[in-house]
Amino acid sequence: MNLCLKNEVRRCRPLLGTFVEITVECEDGREAHHAIHVAFESIARVQTLMSFHDLGSEISELNRLAFFQNVAVSPETYEVLKRAKKLYEYTDGIFDITIAAELMDWDLLPRHSFLSQTDFSGRTKDIELLPNRQVHFLRPLCIDLGGIAKGFAVDRAIQVLQERDMQSAIVNAGGDIRCFGNQERPIWVRDPQLAGQFLSLPALKNAALATSANSYDKLRRDSRICPHVHGQTRKPLPSPSSVSVRADSCMMADALTKVVIALGKDSGEILSHFNAVAFIAGHDGRMICYGGRQS
């Protein structure tokens, strides 16, 4: 993905399992560098709170304790859980953050010692969000926010930059991006059919875009396993493809890519509900569009 700004200050850091690049336009270079620093700190906080891999994260604490007792979480984690539940309900369970159990079984997530049990029958509907940011699991379950937290982190960084009066900015977290300002940003995504080739998307302005490529990561028992799971069937999603979703927030764009991979053209109503549009790379090198805003 290629993003450009003129008269810019640009920095990059490894975060969220990828490289995060923040680019801003501002008259005062010192203010720009400080704003970028604070934006990176906001992303690092999301990573600390929501990493499945980190034994000290709030997600690990929930997976360890929330079935046995109420667990208090940060405003950030509570907000993401609330949004995930709404998406679960609206998509009839296609988007489900409790697919961590399957990802552990397929060796795509680590099985921590406190997750030695095999019965994780709960679903997102079994996550209770209580007053005072308390969370309780009604049934044994295991959550992973990998399908939504990266987009949320990008949104938090954008909020920081706007609060510090940057004129325009782009945050790019390994293909999850959001920008604001007066300029339209040209966007290209990798062609899933041709290595080293790129496909053009409509320019981005004051919006977010996330891309998920359903490439197969592992071969297990003669069936190919990918990291995207259908929340209803609990099976890997078939037909490798590249899906980009443009939406008002990066968190929503991030989550909806998984819904589009699962539903394809049948995702149009869901996309329109969230004022989003999907771009699916076709085998002929063209983009197929579904959903609300296509210009």
Protein backbone atom coordinates (compact mmCIF):
# COMPACT_ATOMS: atom_id res chain seq x y z
CA MET A 1 0.00 0.00 0.00
CA ASN A 2 1.41 3.35 -1.03
CA LEU A 3 0.50 6.61 0.72
CA CYS A 4 1.82 10.11 0.02
CA LEU A 5 1.85 13.49 1.72
CA LYS A 6 3.78 16.67 0.89
CA ASN A 7 5.69 18.70 3.51
CA GLU A 8 5.48 15.83 5.91
CA VAL A 9 6.97 14.39 9.04
CA ARG A 10 7.02 10.59 8.94
CA ARG A 11 8.00 7.98 11.50
CA CYS A 12 7.71 4.20 11.72
CA ARG A 13 7.72 1.73 14.63
CA PRO A 14 7.18 -2.03 14.97
CA LEU A 15 3.85 -2.47 16.75
CA LEU A 16 0.74 -4.68 16.54
CA GLY A 17 2.72 -7.45 14.88
CA THR A 18 3.56 -5.25 11.90
CA PHE A 19 5.18 -1.92 11.08
CA VAL A 20 3.11 1.15 11.91
CA GLU A 21 3.83 4.31 9.93
CA ILE A 22 2.50 7.71 10.97
CA THR A 23 2.76 10.67 8.62
CA VAL A 24 1.56 14.17 9.51
CA GLU A 25 1.53 17.61 7.94
CA CYS A 26 2.07 20.48 10.37
CA GLU A 27 3.73 23.89 10.27
CA ASP A 28 5.68 23.27 13.48
CA GLY A 29 8.01 20.27 13.15
CA ARG A 30 8.51 19.93 16.91
CA GLU A 31 4.78 19.76 17.49
CA ALA A 32 4.49 17.17 14.74
CA HIS A 33 7.17 14.95 16.26
CA HIS A 34 5.58 15.21 19.70
CA ALA A 35 2.12 14.41 18.34
CA ILE A 36 3.48 11.37 16.51
CA HIS A 37 5.22 10.19 19.69
CA VAL A 38 1.97 10.40 21.67
CA ALA A 39 0.08 8.66 18.86
CA PHE A 40 2.57 5.77 18.93
CA GLU A 41 2.13 5.57 22.71
CA SER A 42 -1.63 5.24 22.27
CA ILE A 43 -1.09 2.35 19.84
CA ALA A 44 1.38 0.67 22.20
CA ARG A 45 -1.20 0.90 25.00
CA VAL A 46 -3.79 -0.91 22.86
CA GLN A 47 -1.22 -3.61 22.14
CA THR A 48 -0.43 -3.99 25.86
CA LEU A 49 -4.10 -4.23 26.76
CA MET A 50 -5.39 -6.48 23.99
CA SER A 51 -2.60 -8.83 22.91
CA PHE A 52 -3.55 -12.51 23.05
CA HIS A 53 0.14 -13.43 23.17
CA ASP A 54 0.97 -11.28 26.20
CA LEU A 55 0.26 -13.13 29.44
CA GLY A 56 -0.10 -9.80 31.24
CA SER A 57 -2.69 -8.29 28.90
CA GLU A 58 -6.30 -7.69 29.83
CA ILE A 59 -7.35 -10.24 27.22
CA SER A 60 -5.24 -12.90 28.94
CA GLU A 61 -6.75 -11.90 32.29
CA LEU A 62 -10.26 -12.23 30.87
CA ASN A 63 -9.52 -15.60 29.31
CA ARG A 64 -8.07 -16.80 32.61
CA LEU A 65 -10.62 -15.45 35.10
CA ALA A 66 -13.82 -14.03 33.57
CA PHE A 67 -15.75 -17.33 33.64
CA PHE A 68 -15.13 -17.58 37.40
CA GLN A 69 -15.49 -13.95 38.45
CA ASN A 70 -16.14 -10.44 37.23
CA VAL A 71 -13.05 -8.77 35.78
CA ALA A 72 -12.61 -5.00 35.53
CA VAL A 73 -11.05 -3.75 32.29
CA SER A 74 -9.86 -0.45 30.83
CA PRO A 75 -12.18 1.88 28.90
CA GLU A 76 -10.41 0.85 25.69
CA THR A 77 -10.95 -2.89 26.13
CA TYR A 78 -14.53 -2.36 27.25
CA GLU A 79 -15.24 -0.25 24.16
CA VAL A 80 -13.82 -2.86 21.78
CA LEU A 81 -15.78 -5.65 23.48
CA LYS A 82 -18.95 -3.58 23.21
CA ARG A 83 -18.40 -2.99 19.49
CA ALA A 84 -17.56 -6.67 18.94
CA LYS A 85 -20.81 -7.74 20.58
CA LYS A 86 -22.82 -5.39 18.36
CA LEU A 87 -21.11 -6.77 15.26
CA TYR A 88 -21.73 -10.32 16.45
CA GLU A 89 -25.42 -9.57 16.84
CA TYR A 90 -25.83 -7.74 13.55
CA THR A 91 -23.95 -10.38 11.54
CA ASP A 92 -25.79 -13.28 13.23
CA GLY A 93 -22.54 -14.56 14.69
CA ILE A 94 -20.38 -14.47 11.56
CA PHE A 95 -18.05 -12.01 13.29
CA ASP A 96 -17.17 -13.71 16.56
CA ILE A 97 -14.19 -12.89 18.78
CA THR A 98 -14.41 -16.30 20.51
CA ILE A 99 -12.74 -18.09 17.57
CA ALA A 100 -9.51 -18.15 19.59
CA ALA A 101 -10.24 -21.76 20.51
CA GLU A 102 -10.09 -22.83 16.87
CA LEU A 103 -6.99 -20.76 16.20
CA MET A 104 -5.25 -22.46 19.13
CA ASP A 105 -6.25 -25.89 17.83
CA TRP A 106 -4.69 -25.00 14.46
CA ASP A 107 -1.49 -23.68 16.09
CA LEU A 108 -2.19 -20.16 14.86
CA LEU A 109 -2.36 -18.86 18.44
CA PRO A 110 -0.32 -20.05 21.43
CA ARG A 111 -2.11 -22.27 23.94
CA HIS A 112 -1.18 -20.74 27.29
CA SER A 113 -0.99 -23.04 30.29
CA PHE A 114 -4.16 -21.56 31.79
CA LEU A 115 -6.02 -22.50 28.58
CA SER A 116 -5.39 -26.23 28.86
CA GLN A 117 -9.11 -27.09 28.87
CA THR A 118 -10.70 -28.12 25.60
CA ASP A 119 -14.33 -27.07 26.20
CA PHE A 120 -14.71 -23.51 24.97
CA SER A 121 -18.37 -23.69 23.99
CA GLY A 122 -19.21 -20.05 24.68
CA ARG A 123 -19.74 -17.43 22.01
CA THR A 124 -19.65 -13.63 21.98
CA LYS A 125 -23.29 -13.57 23.12
CA ASP A 126 -22.05 -15.17 26.37
CA ILE A 127 -19.86 -12.16 27.22
CA GLU A 128 -21.60 -9.99 29.81
CA LEU A 129 -20.64 -6.32 29.87
CA LEU A 130 -21.59 -5.09 33.33
CA PRO A 131 -21.56 -1.64 34.95
CA ASN A 132 -18.23 -0.11 35.99
CA ARG A 133 -16.47 -1.83 33.06
CA GLN A 134 -16.85 -5.28 34.61
CA VAL A 135 -16.81 -8.28 32.28
CA HIS A 136 -18.12 -11.79 32.96
CA PHE A 137 -18.26 -14.91 30.77
CA LEU A 138 -21.50 -16.90 31.13
CA ARG A 139 -19.91 -19.99 29.55
CA PRO A 140 -16.31 -21.15 29.07
CA LEU A 141 -14.89 -19.26 26.11
CA CYS A 142 -11.67 -17.77 24.80
CA ILE A 143 -11.46 -14.41 23.05
CA ASP A 144 -9.00 -12.94 20.57
CA LEU A 145 -9.35 -9.35 19.38
CA GLY A 146 -6.99 -9.79 16.45
CA GLY A 147 -9.81 -9.10 13.99
CA ILE A 148 -10.71 -5.69 15.38
CA ALA A 149 -8.09 -4.30 17.79
CA LYS A 150 -5.60 -3.16 15.15
CA GLY A 151 -8.22 -0.96 13.55
CA PHE A 152 -9.16 0.41 16.97
CA ALA A 153 -5.50 1.28 17.62
CA VAL A 154 -5.33 3.21 14.34
CA ASP A 155 -8.46 5.15 15.31
CA ARG A 156 -6.94 6.03 18.70
CA ALA A 157 -3.80 7.35 17.01
CA ILE A 158 -5.85 9.47 14.63
CA GLN A 159 -7.76 10.88 17.59
CA VAL A 160 -4.48 11.87 19.25
CA LEU A 161 -3.26 13.65 16.11
CA GLN A 162 -6.53 15.52 15.65
CA GLU A 163 -6.53 16.63 19.29
CA ARG A 164 -3.06 18.09 18.73
CA ASP A 165 -4.23 20.14 15.75
CA MET A 166 -2.30 18.39 13.01
CA GLN A 167 -3.41 19.69 9.61
CA SER A 168 -3.56 16.26 8.02
CA ALA A 169 -2.30 12.78 8.82
CA ILE A 170 -2.18 9.15 7.79
CA VAL A 171 -1.74 6.18 10.10
CA ASN A 172 -0.88 2.93 8.33
CA ALA A 173 -0.66 -0.24 10.43
CA GLY A 174 0.27 -2.94 7.97
CA GLY A 175 -2.63 -2.19 5.64
CA ASP A 176 -5.10 -0.88 8.22
CA ILE A 177 -5.12 2.85 7.52
CA ARG A 178 -7.00 6.01 8.29
CA CYS A 179 -6.42 9.57 7.16
CA PHE A 180 -7.81 13.05 7.65
CA GLY A 181 -7.23 16.41 6.00
CA ASN A 182 -8.10 18.15 2.74
CA GLN A 183 -6.12 15.93 0.39
CA GLU A 184 -7.23 12.78 -1.37
CA ARG A 185 -4.73 9.97 -0.86
CA PRO A 186 -4.00 7.55 -3.71
CA ILE A 187 -4.25 3.94 -2.54
CA TRP A 188 -2.88 0.71 -4.00
CA VAL A 189 -3.15 -2.82 -2.64
CA ARG A 190 -1.18 -5.91 -3.55
CA ASP A 191 -2.61 -8.08 -6.31
CA PRO A 192 -3.29 -11.50 -4.68
CA GLN A 193 -2.90 -13.19 -8.05
CA LEU A 194 0.37 -11.62 -9.24
CA ALA A 195 3.34 -11.24 -6.92
CA GLY A 196 4.84 -7.78 -6.99
CA GLN A 197 1.84 -6.24 -8.73
CA PHE A 198 -0.58 -3.68 -7.28
CA LEU A 199 -4.20 -2.76 -7.86
CA SER A 200 -5.56 0.77 -7.57
CA LEU A 201 -8.42 1.66 -5.23
CA PRO A 202 -10.44 4.90 -5.15
CA ALA A 203 -8.57 7.68 -3.39
CA LEU A 204 -9.06 7.96 0.35
CA LYS A 205 -10.09 11.17 2.10
CA ASN A 206 -11.22 11.54 5.72
CA ALA A 207 -11.92 7.83 5.92
CA ALA A 208 -10.43 4.48 6.88
CA LEU A 209 -9.55 1.37 4.92
CA ALA A 210 -8.49 -2.12 6.00
CA THR A 211 -7.31 -5.03 3.87
CA SER A 212 -7.35 -8.72 4.72
CA ALA A 213 -5.77 -11.31 2.47
CA ASN A 214 -7.14 -14.79 3.09
CA SER A 215 -3.85 -16.55 2.33
CA TYR A 216 -3.35 -20.05 3.66
CA ASP A 217 -0.78 -20.25 6.45
CA LYS A 218 -0.66 -23.91 7.40
CA LEU A 219 -1.28 -27.33 5.96
CA ARG A 220 -2.89 -29.74 8.39
CA ARG A 221 -4.33 -33.19 7.72
CA ASP A 222 -4.64 -32.54 4.01
CA SER A 223 -6.81 -29.45 4.59
CA ARG A 224 -5.54 -25.94 4.32
CA ILE A 225 -5.87 -23.72 7.39
CA CYS A 226 -6.10 -19.93 7.26
CA PRO A 227 -6.38 -17.38 10.09
CA HIS A 228 -9.89 -16.24 9.14
CA VAL A 229 -12.69 -18.28 10.66
CA HIS A 230 -16.42 -18.29 9.97
CA GLY A 231 -18.04 -17.47 13.30
CA GLN A 232 -21.06 -19.68 12.67
CA THR A 233 -19.46 -22.80 11.22
CA ARG A 234 -16.13 -22.44 13.12
CA LYS A 235 -14.32 -23.53 9.95
CA PRO A 236 -11.55 -21.78 7.99
CA LEU A 237 -12.90 -19.50 5.31
CA PRO A 238 -12.41 -20.95 1.79
CA SER A 239 -11.28 -19.35 -1.46
CA PRO A 240 -8.21 -17.22 -0.75
CA SER A 241 -8.78 -13.62 -1.79
CA SER A 242 -7.95 -10.03 -0.93
CA VAL A 243 -10.70 -7.88 0.54
CA SER A 244 -10.48 -4.17 1.36
CA VAL A 245 -13.22 -2.33 3.24
CA ARG A 246 -13.57 1.43 3.45
CA ALA A 247 -15.52 2.84 6.39
CA ASP A 248 -15.70 5.84 8.68
CA SER A 249 -13.57 4.15 11.35
CA CYS A 250 -10.65 1.78 10.95
CA MET A 251 -12.01 -0.51 13.65
CA MET A 252 -15.18 -1.03 11.62
CA ALA A 253 -13.24 -1.46 8.37
CA ASP A 254 -10.96 -4.00 10.06
CA ALA A 255 -13.82 -6.10 11.42
CA LEU A 256 -15.92 -5.96 8.26
CA THR A 257 -13.15 -7.42 6.09
CA LYS A 258 -13.74 -10.75 7.86
CA VAL A 259 -17.48 -10.53 7.24
CA VAL A 260 -16.92 -9.86 3.55
CA ILE A 261 -14.50 -12.78 3.23
CA ALA A 262 -17.23 -14.98 4.73
CA LEU A 263 -20.21 -13.65 2.77
CA GLY A 264 -18.83 -12.17 -0.47
CA LYS A 265 -21.56 -10.43 -2.45
CA ASP A 266 -24.10 -11.27 0.25
CA SER A 267 -22.36 -8.81 2.57
CA GLY A 268 -23.84 -5.79 0.75
CA GLU A 269 -26.66 -5.15 3.22
CA ILE A 270 -24.32 -5.31 6.22
CA LEU A 271 -21.83 -2.99 4.53
CA SER A 272 -24.54 -0.47 3.68
CA HIS A 273 -25.80 -0.54 7.27
CA PHE A 274 -22.35 0.55 8.46
CA ASN A 275 -21.91 3.04 5.57
CA ALA A 276 -19.02 0.96 4.26
CA VAL A 277 -17.94 -0.40 0.88
CA ALA A 278 -15.89 -3.49 0.06
CA PHE A 279 -13.43 -3.95 -2.79
CA ILE A 280 -12.72 -7.58 -3.69
CA ALA A 281 -9.84 -8.35 -6.03
CA GLY A 282 -11.14 -10.32 -8.99
CA HIS A 283 -9.21 -12.97 -10.91
CA ASP A 284 -9.08 -10.64 -13.93
CA GLY A 285 -7.26 -7.93 -11.98
CA ARG A 286 -10.33 -5.75 -11.51
CA MET A 287 -12.00 -4.71 -8.27
CA ILE A 288 -15.55 -5.87 -7.52
CA CYS A 289 -17.40 -3.42 -5.24
CA TYR A 290 -20.18 -4.10 -2.75
CA GLY A 291 -21.90 -1.94 -0.18
CA GLY A 292 -22.61 1.74 0.40
CA ARG A 293 -20.09 4.34 -0.80
CA GLN A 294 -18.20 3.41 -3.96
CA SER A 295 -16.83 6.82 -5.02
